[in-house]
Amino acid sequence: MLALTESHRGVLLLLSTSLVCALAYSESEKFIADIIRNELRERPASTLLVLKRQRQLNCTLKILRPFEIPTLRKDEWTTFPIKYSFKSDVISVVCITELADVILLSALAKDLHHMRESRILIWLQTEPANAKALLETIREQAGSYNFLRLMVLHSNILNDEEPSMLYRLQPFPSPSLVRTTHAIFVDTWRNFMGKSAVILADSLAPYSLLATDHTGKQKFHGFKDRIISEFAKKYNVTLKLKMPLSAIKNLTVTDVFRMTMKGELDLPIRNFAMPPRSPYNSQVEYSSIFQLESVFIVVPCGKEMSLSDVCTGLKTYSTIVLIAYFTFAVLETLFMAAFYRIIRRRYRFSFGNLLINMCAFRGVLGLPIPMARYRNSLSLQQLVMMMSMFSFILSCFFGANLSTLLIKMPHYKRIENFAELRASKLPVNVDENTYNYVKWAMGGEFYENVMPNIQIMPSRQREEQIFSLNTSCAYQISKKMWNVLQMYQQRSELKLMCTSPGLVISHMAAVGYLLNNSVYKMALNEYLDQTHSLGLYKHWYDSGNQKIMWSFPKTNLVDNQSHRPLNMDDLRWLWQLMGFCYVVAGVVFAIEVIAARWLKKPVNRVIIIRN
């Protein structure tokens, strides 16, 4: 009976110990469950991600009470990209009991690729002597993987009665774990606490440009410069230039991508037009859309016509005059013959009246016509009225067109579509970034079939040619650049570059590029959305363009269309026409003289007398 009692006491002691342990674990799990439940109430999530090692025996996360959202349990050997499987955010719970369990953070980083801002709760169960080393390792890993919202719940595995301690990750300006009593996740990316961000000044108008203001100081006046500088002020970021401006001129777009992928650049000054399926898709992070852009071709405008070409363009009226002259001459001859037939008089017909008819000549040019010849014929009077009306209308149209052409000189026809661009063999300058985008969006054969005569140039060299208004080639530019170029031409009082709806290539979304899983992604996306919704983006763009306009000196312009007054060369065609008319008149006069003398020659007559 005593042995049975001792046996029962042993069983009761074992059950009591198990119950105490179970109650201790339940308290920690209850605390974690309350945190998760409060977070789900504050900000919904689609999935609960639970990570523990395969051989991790001390972790009791397997008995966590299920929530109303799916729970995904995995170990360190399984990789499951959450970003491409779930539409909304996730909450991750990681169980760490020893130093070897830190490998779970590496697996978690792979699972949270492109979404390192997700909420992460680490349950650290270890002895107090090992807690400091593990916390330091967690801090280093969190900083290297750019985790932004992370909390650590430390429970003493040896003393269940000791209360748990909660730590929150403070990632800026350098990662640290801070003791806290508030079990909430904080958006730490709203204040970077003076963290340094490396940027690369672009000095490429209209996005970024170093110019001298009214005080004589050199400042960046591009609207992207304004966006990044205001972003740094709002989110407490310290900006640092990667290199001086003198070293930037030879950098290509590929160099900028390479520096971004290596982590040498933190914030984008210039936006890029690379498609989501680009080779850089898995190596860089996309920001929100800066703006919607259009890519098209800008071609030289048609040059002003010379005065001789303007008069040559009026040859249509000459054709009308000639046709009307011969028509009126024929009608006048027919009406005269009919009139003479009616009054029974003989009409002497001559082909000369069809060639030189002074009545038809006066009627076409609107000169006075003597009515003595036509006063007895109603038909001829109606013909005179018809010629007068025709000459009146023709004179009005001709005078109006001639005045317009002389006051505002017309231009030659410019290139309006890709077929005319190919036929002109005009070289088209493109930059590397837009060239790569168009090849992806339109196909690799686009340039070969549509624009075979292209020249890929460095961006800055191409911009210098554009703003010098060099008309020796065409340019592939964006809508933003075209707006600046139009304002620049208005200020310079020149119109040398034009575009046409038939030269539009594609429409695109311009985005910024960041380092993969950049800590600035969330803040920059939020900031860009706010600037667009409040109208600040457009305001900074317009004001930046105004400052850029005054930074370009007019001495750099290629003025190949200067205005000049009329001179003798412009009226050469008039002298040539007068000379031609005098020559024709002289030839006609000589023919008349010869014909008259020929008719006056004596004719040998033979007289036959018949009996």
Foldseek 3Di string as FASTA:
>chain_A
DVVVVVVVVVVVVVVVVVVLVVVLVVVVLVVVVVLVVVVCVVPNDQEEEEEDAPPDDPDPPVPRDDDPHYYHYDYLVDAAQPVVPDDGAYEYEYEAEDPVSCSVLVSVLRNCFLNLAGAYEYEYEYAPVCPVVNQVVVQVSCQVSVRQWYKYWYDYNVDSVDHIWMWTWQPAPHTDTHTDDDSHTDRNQQARQAREFEEAAQCFPQLWNWFADPVRDTDILHLLVVLVVVLCVRRVYHYDYLDDPVVNQPDAPVNVLVCQLVVVGFWYSDWFFADCPDPCNSRWHWFPFLDKKFKFKKAWAFAFDFLVVLVVVVCVLVVVLVVQLLVLLVVVVVQVCVVCVVVVHDDDDDCVSSVDPVLSVCLQQQHDDDCPVPPVPPVVVVSSVVSNVNNVVSVVVVVVSVVVCVVDTDGDHDDAAQVVVVVVLFEEEEEDRVVNNLCVVVHVCCCVVRPVRYDYDGSVVVSLCLLLLPNSHMYIDMPLVVVLSVVLCVVLVHRTMDYYPNGTRDMGTIIIIHGTSRSCRVSSNVSSVVCVVVVVSVVSNVSSSVVVSVRDDNVSHPPPRDDDDDDVVSCPVVVVVVVVVVVVVVVVVVVVVVVVVVVPDDDDDDDDDDD
